[in-house]
Amino acid sequence: MKKLTLKALFAAAFALAAVNAQAGDSQYDKCITEGEKLIEAAKTQGRKAAENVDEKLLASCKAELTKMEVAAMKRAGVDPAKNTHNPYKYMTGEERVKWSKLWEAVDAMQGRGVRFLQNAWYGGDPGARLDTMEKQGKIPAEWR
């Protein structure tokens, strides 16, 4: 029984790895990965991290956003050309999460967005950066 369980576990892990490898090739995943890389790079490089972004990738990520929005509107029976509401109104919860993550990645590629700018300014941990600035005399000791 134990050998059968280990074999089944190994087979399931292999199948999961194969599915993840196929899913990693999607445009959505490429955009998310690039956005996360830029957010992490902003900790050390600041806003310069987003200066050399591939414009084709940025355009394809924006197209992916539009595709998600149009699909949600069509499913709700709304004509995308005549829509006057924010597209997230027509999305499910899972779609909203994916949509917001993609927006965050697009914002990072453009050198903006909350997470990107916080990492660029504070270097990742705002508290550590402020403590350093206080020790260097850039912030008065009694600011807290």
N, C-alpha and C. Protein backbone atom coordinates (compact mmCIF):
# COMPACT_ATOMS: atom_id res chain seq x y z
N MET A 1 0.82 -1.19 0.00
CA MET A 1 0.00 0.00 0.00
C MET A 1 0.87 1.26 0.00
N LYS A 2 1.95 1.20 0.76
CA LYS A 2 2.82 2.36 0.87
C LYS A 2 3.46 2.69 -0.48
N LYS A 3 3.89 1.65 -1.21
CA LYS A 3 4.51 1.89 -2.52
C LYS A 3 3.50 2.47 -3.50
N LEU A 4 2.29 2.02 -3.44
CA LEU A 4 1.26 2.53 -4.33
C LEU A 4 1.00 4.01 -4.04
N THR A 5 0.98 4.39 -2.77
CA THR A 5 0.75 5.77 -2.40
C THR A 5 1.90 6.66 -2.88
N LEU A 6 3.12 6.21 -2.71
CA LEU A 6 4.28 6.99 -3.17
C LEU A 6 4.28 7.12 -4.69
N LYS A 7 3.92 6.04 -5.38
CA LYS A 7 3.85 6.11 -6.84
C LYS A 7 2.77 7.08 -7.29
N ALA A 8 1.63 7.03 -6.62
CA ALA A 8 0.53 7.94 -6.96
C ALA A 8 0.93 9.39 -6.68
N LEU A 9 1.62 9.60 -5.57
CA LEU A 9 2.08 10.94 -5.23
C LEU A 9 3.09 11.44 -6.26
N PHE A 10 4.00 10.58 -6.67
CA PHE A 10 4.99 10.96 -7.68
C PHE A 10 4.31 11.28 -9.02
N ALA A 11 3.35 10.45 -9.40
CA ALA A 11 2.63 10.68 -10.66
C ALA A 11 1.84 11.99 -10.60
N ALA A 12 1.22 12.27 -9.47
CA ALA A 12 0.46 13.51 -9.33
C ALA A 12 1.39 14.72 -9.39
N ALA A 13 2.56 14.62 -8.75
CA ALA A 13 3.52 15.72 -8.78
C ALA A 13 4.02 15.96 -10.19
N PHE A 14 4.28 14.90 -10.93
CA PHE A 14 4.73 15.03 -12.31
C PHE A 14 3.66 15.68 -13.18
N ALA A 15 2.41 15.25 -13.00
CA ALA A 15 1.30 15.83 -13.76
C ALA A 15 1.13 17.31 -13.43
N LEU A 16 1.25 17.65 -12.16
CA LEU A 16 1.13 19.05 -11.75
C LEU A 16 2.26 19.89 -12.35
N ALA A 17 3.47 19.35 -12.38
CA ALA A 17 4.59 20.08 -12.97
C ALA A 17 4.36 20.29 -14.47
N ALA A 18 3.81 19.29 -15.14
CA ALA A 18 3.54 19.43 -16.57
C ALA A 18 2.47 20.49 -16.83
N VAL A 19 1.44 20.50 -16.01
CA VAL A 19 0.37 21.50 -16.15
C VAL A 19 0.93 22.90 -15.88
N ASN A 20 1.75 23.04 -14.85
CA ASN A 20 2.34 24.34 -14.53
C ASN A 20 3.26 24.82 -15.65
N ALA A 21 3.99 23.91 -16.28
CA ALA A 21 4.87 24.30 -17.38
C ALA A 21 4.06 24.82 -18.55
N GLN A 22 2.92 24.20 -18.82
CA GLN A 22 2.07 24.68 -19.91
C GLN A 22 1.42 26.00 -19.53
N ALA A 23 1.00 26.14 -18.29
CA ALA A 23 0.34 27.37 -17.86
C ALA A 23 1.33 28.53 -17.82
N GLY A 24 2.60 28.25 -17.58
CA GLY A 24 3.61 29.29 -17.51
C GLY A 24 3.87 29.97 -18.84
N ASP A 25 3.42 29.37 -19.93
CA ASP A 25 3.65 29.94 -21.24
C ASP A 25 2.59 30.95 -21.64
N SER A 26 1.55 31.15 -20.85
CA SER A 26 0.49 32.06 -21.23
C SER A 26 0.95 33.51 -21.13
N GLN A 27 0.33 34.36 -21.89
CA GLN A 27 0.67 35.78 -21.90
C GLN A 27 0.43 36.39 -20.53
N TYR A 28 -0.64 36.00 -19.90
CA TYR A 28 -0.96 36.49 -18.55
C TYR A 28 0.19 36.21 -17.59
N ASP A 29 0.67 34.97 -17.59
CA ASP A 29 1.75 34.60 -16.68
C ASP A 29 3.05 35.34 -16.99
N LYS A 30 3.32 35.56 -18.26
CA LYS A 30 4.52 36.32 -18.63
C LYS A 30 4.44 37.74 -18.09
N CYS A 31 3.28 38.34 -18.19
CA CYS A 31 3.09 39.71 -17.70
C CYS A 31 3.25 39.77 -16.19
N ILE A 32 2.64 38.83 -15.49
CA ILE A 32 2.72 38.80 -14.03
C ILE A 32 4.17 38.60 -13.59
N THR A 33 4.87 37.69 -14.25
CA THR A 33 6.26 37.42 -13.91
C THR A 33 7.13 38.65 -14.12
N GLU A 34 6.96 39.31 -15.24
CA GLU A 34 7.74 40.52 -15.53
C GLU A 34 7.43 41.62 -14.52
N GLY A 35 6.16 41.79 -14.18
CA GLY A 35 5.78 42.80 -13.20
C GLY A 35 6.40 42.53 -11.83
N GLU A 36 6.38 41.27 -11.40
CA GLU A 36 6.98 40.91 -10.11
C GLU A 36 8.49 41.14 -10.12
N LYS A 37 9.14 40.83 -11.25
CA LYS A 37 10.58 41.09 -11.36
C LYS A 37 10.88 42.57 -11.21
N LEU A 38 10.07 43.40 -11.85
CA LEU A 38 10.29 44.84 -11.77
C LEU A 38 10.03 45.37 -10.36
N ILE A 39 9.02 44.85 -9.71
CA ILE A 39 8.73 45.28 -8.34
C ILE A 39 9.88 44.92 -7.41
N GLU A 40 10.45 43.73 -7.58
CA GLU A 40 11.60 43.33 -6.77
C GLU A 40 12.84 44.15 -7.14
N ALA A 41 13.03 44.42 -8.43
CA ALA A 41 14.20 45.21 -8.87
C ALA A 41 14.12 46.64 -8.37
N ALA A 42 12.91 47.14 -8.15
CA ALA A 42 12.75 48.51 -7.67
C ALA A 42 13.34 48.69 -6.28
N LYS A 43 13.47 47.62 -5.51
CA LYS A 43 14.06 47.72 -4.18
C LYS A 43 15.50 48.20 -4.25
N THR A 44 16.23 47.76 -5.26
CA THR A 44 17.64 48.12 -5.37
C THR A 44 17.89 49.22 -6.40
N GLN A 45 17.13 49.22 -7.49
CA GLN A 45 17.39 50.17 -8.58
C GLN A 45 16.50 51.40 -8.53
N GLY A 46 15.48 51.39 -7.70
CA GLY A 46 14.55 52.51 -7.66
C GLY A 46 13.68 52.54 -8.91
N ARG A 47 13.28 53.74 -9.31
CA ARG A 47 12.39 53.86 -10.47
C ARG A 47 13.08 53.53 -11.78
N LYS A 48 14.40 53.48 -11.78
CA LYS A 48 15.14 53.13 -13.00
C LYS A 48 14.89 51.70 -13.43
N ALA A 49 14.36 50.89 -12.55
CA ALA A 49 14.10 49.48 -12.86
C ALA A 49 13.14 49.33 -14.03
N ALA A 50 12.26 50.29 -14.22
CA ALA A 50 11.23 50.18 -15.27
C ALA A 50 11.60 50.95 -16.53
N GLU A 51 12.85 51.40 -16.65
CA GLU A 51 13.22 52.20 -17.81
C GLU A 51 13.37 51.39 -19.09
N ASN A 52 13.83 50.17 -18.99
CA ASN A 52 14.12 49.37 -20.19
C ASN A 52 13.12 48.25 -20.39
N VAL A 53 11.86 48.54 -20.20
CA VAL A 53 10.81 47.53 -20.38
C VAL A 53 10.56 47.33 -21.87
N ASP A 54 10.37 46.08 -22.24
CA ASP A 54 10.07 45.75 -23.63
C ASP A 54 8.69 46.30 -23.99
N GLU A 55 8.65 47.21 -24.95
CA GLU A 55 7.39 47.85 -25.34
C GLU A 55 6.40 46.85 -25.93
N LYS A 56 6.90 45.83 -26.61
CA LYS A 56 6.01 44.81 -27.17
C LYS A 56 5.32 44.02 -26.07
N LEU A 57 6.08 43.71 -25.03
CA LEU A 57 5.49 42.99 -23.90
C LEU A 57 4.45 43.86 -23.20
N LEU A 58 4.75 45.13 -23.01
CA LEU A 58 3.80 46.04 -22.39
C LEU A 58 2.52 46.14 -23.21
N ALA A 59 2.66 46.26 -24.52
CA ALA A 59 1.48 46.34 -25.39
C ALA A 59 0.67 45.04 -25.33
N SER A 60 1.34 43.91 -25.28
CA SER A 60 0.61 42.63 -25.22
C SER A 60 -0.07 42.47 -23.86
N CYS A 61 0.53 43.00 -22.80
CA CYS A 61 -0.11 42.94 -21.48
C CYS A 61 -1.35 43.82 -21.44
N LYS A 62 -1.27 44.99 -22.06
CA LYS A 62 -2.44 45.86 -22.14
C LYS A 62 -3.54 45.20 -22.98
N ALA A 63 -3.15 44.51 -24.05
CA ALA A 63 -4.13 43.80 -24.86
C ALA A 63 -4.78 42.67 -24.07
N GLU A 64 -4.00 42.02 -23.21
CA GLU A 64 -4.55 40.96 -22.36
C GLU A 64 -5.58 41.54 -21.39
N LEU A 65 -5.30 42.73 -20.85
CA LEU A 65 -6.27 43.41 -19.98
C LEU A 65 -7.57 43.67 -20.73
N THR A 66 -7.44 44.22 -21.92
CA THR A 66 -8.62 44.53 -22.73
C THR A 66 -9.40 43.26 -23.04
N LYS A 67 -8.68 42.19 -23.34
CA LYS A 67 -9.33 40.91 -23.66
C LYS A 67 -10.14 40.41 -22.46
N MET A 68 -9.58 40.54 -21.26
CA MET A 68 -10.30 40.11 -20.06
C MET A 68 -11.55 40.95 -19.84
N GLU A 69 -11.42 42.25 -20.05
CA GLU A 69 -12.55 43.17 -19.84
C GLU A 69 -13.67 42.90 -20.85
N VAL A 70 -13.30 42.74 -22.11
CA VAL A 70 -14.29 42.50 -23.17
C VAL A 70 -15.01 41.18 -22.94
N ALA A 71 -14.25 40.16 -22.54
CA ALA A 71 -14.87 38.85 -22.29
C ALA A 71 -15.90 38.93 -21.17
N ALA A 72 -15.59 39.66 -20.12
CA ALA A 72 -16.53 39.80 -19.00
C ALA A 72 -17.78 40.57 -19.43
N MET A 73 -17.59 41.61 -20.23
CA MET A 73 -18.74 42.41 -20.68
C MET A 73 -19.63 41.60 -21.61
N LYS A 74 -19.01 40.86 -22.53
CA LYS A 74 -19.80 40.05 -23.46
C LYS A 74 -20.59 38.98 -22.72
N ARG A 75 -19.96 38.37 -21.72
CA ARG A 75 -20.65 37.34 -20.94
C ARG A 75 -21.86 37.94 -20.22
N ALA A 76 -21.76 39.22 -19.83
CA ALA A 76 -22.87 39.89 -19.14
C ALA A 76 -23.89 40.46 -20.12
N GLY A 77 -23.63 40.34 -21.41
CA GLY A 77 -24.57 40.84 -22.42
C GLY A 77 -24.46 42.33 -22.66
N VAL A 78 -23.30 42.92 -22.38
CA VAL A 78 -23.08 44.35 -22.55
C VAL A 78 -22.19 44.57 -23.76
N ASP A 79 -22.55 45.53 -24.59
CA ASP A 79 -21.73 45.88 -25.74
C ASP A 79 -20.51 46.66 -25.24
N PRO A 80 -19.28 46.15 -25.43
CA PRO A 80 -18.09 46.84 -24.94
C PRO A 80 -17.93 48.26 -25.49
N ALA A 81 -18.39 48.51 -26.70
CA ALA A 81 -18.26 49.84 -27.29
C ALA A 81 -19.19 50.86 -26.62
N LYS A 82 -20.29 50.40 -26.05
CA LYS A 82 -21.26 51.30 -25.43
C LYS A 82 -21.21 51.26 -23.90
N ASN A 83 -20.26 50.54 -23.33
CA ASN A 83 -20.18 50.39 -21.88
C ASN A 83 -19.80 51.71 -21.22
N THR A 84 -20.51 52.07 -20.16
CA THR A 84 -20.19 53.29 -19.41
C THR A 84 -19.76 52.98 -17.98
N HIS A 85 -19.64 51.70 -17.62
CA HIS A 85 -19.25 51.30 -16.28
C HIS A 85 -17.84 50.72 -16.30
N ASN A 86 -17.25 50.65 -15.13
CA ASN A 86 -15.95 50.02 -15.00
C ASN A 86 -16.13 48.53 -15.31
N PRO A 87 -15.22 47.95 -16.10
CA PRO A 87 -15.40 46.54 -16.50
C PRO A 87 -15.46 45.55 -15.33
N TYR A 88 -14.84 45.89 -14.20
CA TYR A 88 -14.87 44.93 -13.09
C TYR A 88 -16.28 44.68 -12.57
N LYS A 89 -17.21 45.56 -12.92
CA LYS A 89 -18.60 45.38 -12.51
C LYS A 89 -19.15 44.06 -13.06
N TYR A 90 -18.66 43.63 -14.18
CA TYR A 90 -19.18 42.44 -14.86
C TYR A 90 -18.35 41.18 -14.58
N MET A 91 -17.29 41.29 -13.79
CA MET A 91 -16.38 40.17 -13.56
C MET A 91 -16.76 39.40 -12.30
N THR A 92 -16.38 38.14 -12.30
CA THR A 92 -16.52 37.32 -11.10
C THR A 92 -15.37 37.65 -10.15
N GLY A 93 -15.42 37.13 -8.95
CA GLY A 93 -14.37 37.40 -7.98
C GLY A 93 -13.00 36.95 -8.45
N GLU A 94 -12.92 35.75 -9.03
CA GLU A 94 -11.64 35.24 -9.51
C GLU A 94 -11.10 36.09 -10.65
N GLU A 95 -12.00 36.54 -11.53
CA GLU A 95 -11.57 37.39 -12.64
C GLU A 95 -11.07 38.74 -12.14
N ARG A 96 -11.70 39.26 -11.12
CA ARG A 96 -11.25 40.55 -10.56
C ARG A 96 -9.85 40.44 -9.97
N VAL A 97 -9.57 39.33 -9.30
CA VAL A 97 -8.24 39.13 -8.72
C VAL A 97 -7.20 39.06 -9.84
N LYS A 98 -7.47 38.26 -10.87
CA LYS A 98 -6.53 38.16 -11.98
C LYS A 98 -6.36 39.51 -12.67
N TRP A 99 -7.45 40.22 -12.85
CA TRP A 99 -7.44 41.52 -13.53
C TRP A 99 -6.61 42.52 -12.74
N SER A 100 -6.79 42.55 -11.41
CA SER A 100 -6.05 43.51 -10.60
C SER A 100 -4.56 43.18 -10.55
N LYS A 101 -4.21 41.88 -10.55
CA LYS A 101 -2.80 41.50 -10.59
C LYS A 101 -2.17 41.92 -11.92
N LEU A 102 -2.92 41.77 -12.99
CA LEU A 102 -2.40 42.17 -14.29
C LEU A 102 -2.24 43.68 -14.36
N TRP A 103 -3.18 44.42 -13.79
CA TRP A 103 -3.05 45.88 -13.73
C TRP A 103 -1.81 46.29 -12.95
N GLU A 104 -1.56 45.59 -11.85
CA GLU A 104 -0.38 45.88 -11.03
C GLU A 104 0.90 45.65 -11.83
N ALA A 105 0.93 44.58 -12.63
CA ALA A 105 2.10 44.30 -13.45
C ALA A 105 2.27 45.36 -14.54
N VAL A 106 1.18 45.77 -15.18
CA VAL A 106 1.25 46.80 -16.22
C VAL A 106 1.72 48.12 -15.61
N ASP A 107 1.20 48.46 -14.44
CA ASP A 107 1.64 49.68 -13.76
C ASP A 107 3.13 49.63 -13.45
N ALA A 108 3.62 48.48 -13.00
CA ALA A 108 5.06 48.34 -12.70
C ALA A 108 5.89 48.52 -13.97
N MET A 109 5.40 47.99 -15.09
CA MET A 109 6.13 48.15 -16.36
C MET A 109 6.18 49.60 -16.80
N GLN A 110 5.21 50.38 -16.36
CA GLN A 110 5.16 51.79 -16.72
C GLN A 110 5.82 52.68 -15.66
N GLY A 111 6.39 52.07 -14.62
CA GLY A 111 7.07 52.82 -13.58
C GLY A 111 6.13 53.48 -12.60
N ARG A 112 4.99 52.87 -12.37
CA ARG A 112 4.04 53.41 -11.40
C ARG A 112 3.32 52.25 -10.73
N GLY A 113 2.36 52.55 -9.92
CA GLY A 113 1.66 51.51 -9.17
C GLY A 113 2.14 51.52 -7.74
N VAL A 114 1.27 51.17 -6.83
CA VAL A 114 1.56 51.29 -5.40
C VAL A 114 2.74 50.43 -4.99
N ARG A 115 2.71 49.15 -5.29
CA ARG A 115 3.80 48.26 -4.84
C ARG A 115 5.13 48.66 -5.46
N PHE A 116 5.13 48.99 -6.76
CA PHE A 116 6.37 49.37 -7.43
C PHE A 116 6.96 50.63 -6.79
N LEU A 117 6.13 51.64 -6.61
CA LEU A 117 6.63 52.90 -6.07
C LEU A 117 7.04 52.78 -4.60
N GLN A 118 6.33 51.98 -3.82
CA GLN A 118 6.75 51.77 -2.43
C GLN A 118 8.11 51.09 -2.37
N ASN A 119 8.32 50.09 -3.21
CA ASN A 119 9.62 49.43 -3.23
C ASN A 119 10.70 50.36 -3.75
N ALA A 120 10.37 51.19 -4.73
CA ALA A 120 11.36 52.12 -5.27
C ALA A 120 11.74 53.17 -4.23
N TRP A 121 10.78 53.65 -3.49
CA TRP A 121 11.05 54.71 -2.52
C TRP A 121 11.64 54.17 -1.23
N TYR A 122 11.01 53.14 -0.68
CA TYR A 122 11.41 52.64 0.63
C TYR A 122 12.41 51.49 0.57
N GLY A 123 12.67 50.98 -0.61
CA GLY A 123 13.61 49.87 -0.72
C GLY A 123 13.07 48.59 -0.12
N GLY A 124 11.79 48.39 -0.20
CA GLY A 124 11.17 47.17 0.30
C GLY A 124 10.50 47.35 1.64
N ASP A 125 11.26 47.60 2.68
CA ASP A 125 10.70 47.72 4.03
C ASP A 125 10.73 49.18 4.45
N PRO A 126 9.58 49.86 4.49
CA PRO A 126 9.57 51.28 4.85
C PRO A 126 10.18 51.57 6.22
N GLY A 127 9.94 50.70 7.17
CA GLY A 127 10.48 50.92 8.51
C GLY A 127 12.00 50.92 8.54
N ALA A 128 12.62 49.99 7.83
CA ALA A 128 14.08 49.92 7.79
C ALA A 128 14.66 51.15 7.12
N ARG A 129 14.03 51.60 6.06
CA ARG A 129 14.54 52.79 5.36
C ARG A 129 14.42 54.02 6.25
N LEU A 130 13.32 54.17 6.94
CA LEU A 130 13.15 55.32 7.82
C LEU A 130 14.12 55.27 8.99
N ASP A 131 14.39 54.08 9.54
CA ASP A 131 15.37 53.95 10.62
C ASP A 131 16.76 54.37 10.14
N THR A 132 17.11 53.97 8.93
CA THR A 132 18.40 54.34 8.36
C THR A 132 18.49 55.84 8.16
N MET A 133 17.43 56.43 7.63
CA MET A 133 17.43 57.87 7.41
C MET A 133 17.54 58.62 8.73
N GLU A 134 16.91 58.09 9.78
CA GLU A 134 16.98 58.71 11.09
C GLU A 134 18.41 58.66 11.63
N LYS A 135 19.07 57.51 11.46
CA LYS A 135 20.45 57.34 11.94
C LYS A 135 21.42 58.25 11.18
N GLN A 136 21.14 58.50 9.90
CA GLN A 136 22.01 59.35 9.09
C GLN A 136 21.73 60.83 9.31
N GLY A 137 20.73 61.15 10.10
CA GLY A 137 20.41 62.54 10.38
C GLY A 137 19.54 63.20 9.32
N LYS A 138 19.00 62.43 8.39
CA LYS A 138 18.13 62.99 7.35
C LYS A 138 16.72 63.25 7.88
N ILE A 139 16.38 62.59 8.97
CA ILE A 139 15.10 62.77 9.64
C ILE A 139 15.42 63.08 11.10
N PRO A 140 14.78 64.08 11.70
CA PRO A 140 15.03 64.37 13.11
C PRO A 140 14.67 63.18 13.99
N ALA A 141 15.43 62.98 15.05
CA ALA A 141 15.22 61.83 15.95
C ALA A 141 13.85 61.88 16.61
N GLU A 142 13.29 63.05 16.79
CA GLU A 142 11.99 63.18 17.48
C GLU A 142 10.81 63.15 16.51
N TRP A 143 11.00 62.71 15.29
CA TRP A 143 9.91 62.70 14.31
C TRP A 143 8.83 61.70 14.68
N ARG A 144 9.17 60.66 15.42
CA ARG A 144 8.18 59.64 15.78
C ARG A 144 7.35 60.20 16.86
